[in-house]
Amino acid sequence: MNYILLAFKGLIIGIAKIIPGVSGAMLSISLGVYERVLDIIGHPLKAKLDDFKFLFFLLIGVSGGIILFSMCVKWCLSQYYIPTMLFFAGLIIGGLPEITSEFQKNDYKFSSIVIFLISFILILIFTNLSGGSNDSINHYFLMGVIESLTTIIPGISGTAIFMALGWYESLLDVINSILTFKAPFSVSFLFILGFIVSTIMVCRVLNFVFRRYKPSAYFCVLGFMGGSLWAMFDELLKNSFNISELITGILLFILGIVSTVRINNFFSKF
């Protein structure tokens, strides 16, 4: 794979990581890197040099996306909340064809519908949690665990959950300070430890699931996506807006759909 294109995919995933309502794992599936990442992390002793190069360039792009766009996203949300969130919703919906293309006719059965509904309800429960901020140093470990889970599990927007917990801006500050080497050692250590422990525990399980029960896994992903969109639109309806914001938001919503579809079509050629 062209490593410049791989880093660009990482950049897109990094941006998605800091956008509320958008799943970085979901976009990584759409961009065709998710299952290989799971396989490498789940079986590190079997990884080859090319696999480590793959992870290196992908992580370069992810880090760049987070550093470059985190402050921009915070500003857009504070100044133009409705249009920004509608653009994010469009990005998610634009990725739906990539998921539904994984299904065969015989995959649509009762058990698949049950899996979809369970995952749909679970994401609604997660995004309706209310925790508020926490100044305890130990909560950085929990932040790392949640960030790992929502990074690995497709369809769950980590930032949406952190917003529900009241930790979103704290998360942006922590990730930025770690990536720019400005974070206190205790904060970096606990956050990274939580992330690594959770990643090691979950990656092997998900790697097995996607290999043995791929259709069911994707129905679960579809449920997570549906739940995320429902939660986003529910939150949007609680906000007041004027006609100009609505028109701008609708245009950006369409732009988001078109952008994701075109990005996926472009990368499908490589």
Protein backbone atom coordinates (compact mmCIF):
# COMPACT_ATOMS: atom_id res chain seq x y z
CA MET A 1 0.00 0.00 0.00
CA ASN A 2 1.20 3.52 -0.76
CA TYR A 3 2.35 4.85 2.60
CA ILE A 4 1.39 8.45 1.78
CA LEU A 5 -2.18 7.30 1.11
CA LEU A 6 -2.06 5.23 4.29
CA ALA A 7 -1.00 8.28 6.33
CA PHE A 8 -3.84 10.24 4.70
CA LYS A 9 -6.30 7.54 5.76
CA GLY A 10 -4.88 7.86 9.28
CA LEU A 11 -5.40 11.64 9.09
CA ILE A 12 -9.09 11.11 8.28
CA ILE A 13 -9.44 8.59 11.12
CA GLY A 14 -7.68 10.98 13.52
CA ILE A 15 -10.12 13.75 12.62
CA ALA A 16 -13.01 11.33 13.12
CA LYS A 17 -11.65 10.44 16.57
CA ILE A 18 -12.26 13.98 17.81
CA ILE A 19 -15.64 14.53 16.11
CA PRO A 20 -18.61 13.86 18.41
CA GLY A 21 -20.91 11.24 16.94
CA VAL A 22 -18.37 9.91 14.45
CA SER A 23 -16.67 6.56 15.00
CA GLY A 24 -13.00 6.41 14.06
CA ALA A 25 -13.26 2.61 13.94
CA MET A 26 -16.24 2.94 11.65
CA LEU A 27 -14.29 5.07 9.19
CA SER A 28 -11.31 2.72 9.44
CA ILE A 29 -13.62 -0.09 8.30
CA SER A 30 -14.85 2.08 5.44
CA LEU A 31 -11.26 2.91 4.50
CA GLY A 32 -10.20 -0.75 4.57
CA VAL A 33 -7.64 -0.75 7.39
CA TYR A 34 -9.64 -1.96 10.41
CA GLU A 35 -9.29 -5.73 10.17
CA ARG A 36 -5.55 -5.59 9.44
CA VAL A 37 -4.98 -3.38 12.49
CA LEU A 38 -6.94 -5.83 14.65
CA ASP A 39 -4.92 -8.74 13.26
CA ILE A 40 -1.57 -7.03 13.91
CA ILE A 41 -2.42 -5.93 17.46
CA GLY A 42 -4.14 -9.24 18.26
CA HIS A 43 -1.12 -11.28 17.06
CA PRO A 44 1.96 -9.03 17.51
CA LEU A 45 4.41 -11.96 17.55
CA LYS A 46 3.28 -12.95 14.06
CA ALA A 47 3.59 -9.43 12.67
CA LYS A 48 6.15 -8.79 9.92
CA LEU A 49 8.20 -5.68 9.13
CA ASP A 50 5.59 -4.54 6.59
CA ASP A 51 2.91 -4.77 9.29
CA PHE A 52 4.87 -2.47 11.60
CA LYS A 53 5.43 -0.02 8.74
CA PHE A 54 1.68 -0.14 8.13
CA LEU A 55 0.94 0.73 11.78
CA PHE A 56 3.64 3.42 11.89
CA PHE A 57 2.36 5.43 8.92
CA LEU A 58 -1.25 4.96 9.96
CA LEU A 59 -0.49 6.26 13.47
CA ILE A 60 1.46 9.21 12.02
CA GLY A 61 -1.69 10.22 10.16
CA VAL A 62 -3.97 9.63 13.16
CA SER A 63 -1.75 11.74 15.44
CA GLY A 64 -1.57 14.51 12.85
CA GLY A 65 -5.34 14.55 12.46
CA ILE A 66 -5.88 14.87 16.21
CA ILE A 67 -3.26 17.59 16.73
CA LEU A 68 -4.23 19.69 13.70
CA PHE A 69 -8.00 19.57 14.05
CA SER A 70 -8.89 19.22 17.75
CA MET A 71 -8.87 22.96 18.43
CA CYS A 72 -10.63 23.63 15.13
CA VAL A 73 -13.42 21.20 16.06
CA LYS A 74 -13.83 22.80 19.50
CA TRP A 75 -14.15 26.23 17.88
CA CYS A 76 -16.66 25.05 15.24
CA LEU A 77 -18.83 23.37 17.87
CA SER A 78 -18.82 26.45 20.07
CA GLN A 79 -19.57 28.91 17.23
CA TYR A 80 -21.63 26.86 14.73
CA TYR A 81 -23.00 23.88 16.67
CA ILE A 82 -26.00 22.96 14.47
CA PRO A 83 -24.24 23.16 11.06
CA THR A 84 -21.16 21.36 12.42
CA MET A 85 -23.14 18.47 13.93
CA LEU A 86 -25.23 18.09 10.75
CA PHE A 87 -21.99 17.85 8.75
CA PHE A 88 -20.76 15.13 11.13
CA ALA A 89 -24.08 13.27 10.76
CA GLY A 90 -23.67 13.40 6.97
CA LEU A 91 -20.19 11.89 7.30
CA ILE A 92 -21.63 8.93 9.22
CA ILE A 93 -24.52 8.33 6.82
CA GLY A 94 -22.14 8.49 3.87
CA GLY A 95 -20.36 5.43 5.26
CA LEU A 96 -23.49 3.27 5.41
CA PRO A 97 -23.08 1.80 1.89
CA GLU A 98 -19.67 0.42 2.92
CA ILE A 99 -21.34 -1.49 5.75
CA THR A 100 -24.40 -2.75 3.89
CA SER A 101 -22.17 -3.94 1.02
CA GLU A 102 -20.78 -6.56 3.43
CA PHE A 103 -24.16 -8.30 3.68
CA GLN A 104 -25.45 -11.15 1.56
CA LYS A 105 -29.16 -11.94 1.10
CA ASN A 106 -29.01 -14.90 3.49
CA ASP A 107 -27.49 -12.70 6.23
CA TYR A 108 -30.82 -10.98 6.82
CA LYS A 109 -32.40 -13.23 9.43
CA PHE A 110 -34.09 -12.89 12.83
CA SER A 111 -30.87 -13.24 14.85
CA SER A 112 -29.29 -10.44 12.81
CA ILE A 113 -32.22 -8.12 13.57
CA VAL A 114 -31.90 -8.94 17.29
CA ILE A 115 -28.16 -8.13 17.20
CA PHE A 116 -28.91 -4.84 15.43
CA LEU A 117 -31.54 -3.85 18.01
CA ILE A 118 -29.35 -4.78 21.01
CA SER A 119 -26.40 -2.74 19.73
CA PHE A 120 -28.76 0.14 18.84
CA ILE A 121 -30.13 0.21 22.39
CA LEU A 122 -26.68 -0.14 23.98
CA ILE A 123 -25.31 2.91 22.20
CA LEU A 124 -28.34 4.93 23.31
CA ILE A 125 -27.70 3.87 26.91
CA PHE A 126 -24.01 4.84 26.63
CA THR A 127 -24.71 8.24 25.10
CA ASN A 128 -27.32 9.05 27.73
CA LEU A 129 -24.97 8.50 30.65
CA SER A 130 -24.40 11.57 32.75
CA GLY A 131 -21.29 11.73 34.86
CA GLY A 132 -19.88 15.24 34.89
CA SER A 133 -16.24 16.11 35.28
CA ASN A 134 -13.88 14.33 37.63
CA ASP A 135 -10.68 15.84 38.96
CA SER A 136 -9.29 12.61 40.44
CA ILE A 137 -5.98 11.57 38.88
CA ASN A 138 -7.30 7.99 38.60
CA HIS A 139 -10.01 9.01 36.16
CA TYR A 140 -7.32 9.40 33.46
CA PHE A 141 -6.91 5.60 33.56
CA LEU A 142 -10.66 5.23 33.02
CA MET A 143 -10.48 7.77 30.20
CA GLY A 144 -7.80 5.63 28.56
CA VAL A 145 -9.94 2.50 28.90
CA ILE A 146 -13.01 4.20 27.40
CA GLU A 147 -10.94 5.76 24.61
CA SER A 148 -9.52 2.34 23.73
CA LEU A 149 -12.91 0.60 23.72
CA THR A 150 -14.51 3.28 21.59
CA THR A 151 -11.50 3.31 19.26
CA ILE A 152 -11.62 -0.44 18.71
CA ILE A 153 -15.37 -1.13 18.70
CA PRO A 154 -16.85 0.08 15.40
CA GLY A 155 -19.84 2.41 15.41
CA ILE A 156 -19.34 3.76 18.93
CA SER A 157 -18.34 7.41 18.98
CA GLY A 158 -15.93 7.85 21.86
CA THR A 159 -16.31 11.61 21.79
CA ALA A 160 -20.11 11.30 22.03
CA ILE A 161 -19.67 9.22 25.19
CA PHE A 162 -17.08 11.63 26.61
CA MET A 163 -19.46 14.52 25.94
CA ALA A 164 -22.21 12.67 27.80
CA LEU A 165 -19.82 12.16 30.73
CA GLY A 166 -18.72 15.79 30.63
CA TRP A 167 -15.12 14.81 29.81
CA TYR A 168 -14.90 15.80 26.13
CA GLU A 169 -12.84 18.98 26.42
CA SER A 170 -10.67 17.31 29.06
CA LEU A 171 -10.08 14.43 26.61
CA LEU A 172 -9.01 16.81 23.83
CA ASP A 173 -6.61 18.57 26.19
CA VAL A 174 -5.15 15.28 27.47
CA ILE A 175 -4.62 13.76 24.00
CA ASN A 176 -3.11 16.99 22.68
CA SER A 177 -0.76 17.33 25.63
CA ILE A 178 0.37 13.68 25.30
CA LEU A 179 0.97 13.91 21.56
CA THR A 180 2.90 17.19 21.97
CA PHE A 181 4.82 15.80 25.03
CA LYS A 182 3.43 18.48 27.37
CA ALA A 183 1.36 16.27 29.67
CA PRO A 184 2.50 15.52 33.27
CA PHE A 185 4.02 12.05 33.54
CA SER A 186 1.26 10.75 35.83
CA VAL A 187 -1.46 11.81 33.39
CA SER A 188 0.34 10.33 30.37
CA PHE A 189 1.16 7.09 32.22
CA LEU A 190 -2.35 6.43 33.52
CA PHE A 191 -4.11 7.34 30.27
CA ILE A 192 -1.74 5.26 28.10
CA LEU A 193 -1.82 2.34 30.59
CA GLY A 194 -5.62 2.27 30.51
CA PHE A 195 -5.57 2.44 26.71
CA ILE A 196 -3.02 -0.38 26.32
CA VAL A 197 -4.62 -2.72 28.88
CA SER A 198 -8.04 -2.33 27.29
CA THR A 199 -6.65 -2.70 23.75
CA ILE A 200 -4.83 -5.94 24.53
CA MET A 201 -7.93 -7.44 26.16
CA VAL A 202 -10.39 -6.45 23.41
CA CYS A 203 -8.42 -6.79 20.16
CA ARG A 204 -8.10 -10.56 20.25
CA VAL A 205 -11.82 -10.96 20.93
CA LEU A 206 -12.85 -8.65 18.09
CA ASN A 207 -10.34 -10.22 15.71
CA PHE A 208 -11.93 -13.63 16.42
CA VAL A 209 -15.47 -12.24 16.03
CA PHE A 210 -14.75 -10.59 12.68
CA ARG A 211 -13.11 -13.74 11.37
CA ARG A 212 -15.77 -16.23 12.53
CA TYR A 213 -18.97 -14.17 12.69
CA LYS A 214 -18.43 -11.35 10.22
CA PRO A 215 -22.08 -10.77 9.13
CA SER A 216 -23.25 -10.63 12.75
CA ALA A 217 -20.39 -8.28 13.62
CA TYR A 218 -21.40 -5.90 10.86
CA PHE A 219 -25.07 -5.96 11.93
CA CYS A 220 -23.79 -4.97 15.39
CA VAL A 221 -21.78 -2.16 13.79
CA LEU A 222 -24.87 -1.01 11.89
CA GLY A 223 -26.81 -0.89 15.16
CA PHE A 224 -24.09 1.20 16.78
CA MET A 225 -24.16 3.60 13.84
CA GLY A 226 -27.95 3.87 13.97
CA GLY A 227 -27.87 4.52 17.70
CA SER A 228 -25.18 7.18 17.31
CA LEU A 229 -27.21 8.98 14.64
CA TRP A 230 -30.37 8.79 16.74
CA ALA A 231 -28.53 10.28 19.74
CA MET A 232 -27.02 13.04 17.60
CA PHE A 233 -30.34 14.12 16.09
CA ASP A 234 -32.03 13.90 19.50
CA GLU A 235 -29.38 16.25 20.88
CA LEU A 236 -29.76 18.60 17.90
CA LEU A 237 -33.52 18.90 18.42
CA LYS A 238 -32.91 20.15 21.97
CA ASN A 239 -31.09 23.21 20.61
CA SER A 240 -32.66 26.38 19.25
CA PHE A 241 -31.60 27.47 15.76
CA ASN A 242 -32.53 30.00 13.09
CA ILE A 243 -33.36 29.42 9.44
CA SER A 244 -29.88 30.36 8.18
CA GLU A 245 -28.27 27.79 10.50
CA LEU A 246 -30.73 25.16 9.31
CA ILE A 247 -30.10 25.85 5.61
CA THR A 248 -26.32 25.89 6.14
CA GLY A 249 -26.58 22.69 8.18
CA ILE A 250 -28.60 20.89 5.49
CA LEU A 251 -26.06 21.87 2.84
CA LEU A 252 -23.20 20.67 5.06
CA PHE A 253 -25.15 17.48 5.82
CA ILE A 254 -25.31 16.74 2.08
CA LEU A 255 -21.62 17.68 1.74
CA GLY A 256 -20.76 15.24 4.54
CA ILE A 257 -22.57 12.37 2.80
CA VAL A 258 -20.94 13.12 -0.55
CA SER A 259 -17.50 13.52 1.05
CA THR A 260 -17.54 10.12 2.76
CA VAL A 261 -18.89 8.35 -0.34
CA ARG A 262 -16.22 9.92 -2.56
CA ILE A 263 -13.42 9.25 -0.09
CA ASN A 264 -14.48 5.59 0.16
CA ASN A 265 -14.75 5.28 -3.63
CA PHE A 266 -11.32 6.85 -4.05
CA PHE A 267 -9.59 4.55 -1.57
CA SER A 268 -11.36 1.46 -2.90
CA LYS A 269 -9.17 1.79 -6.01
CA PHE A 270 -5.99 1.05 -4.05
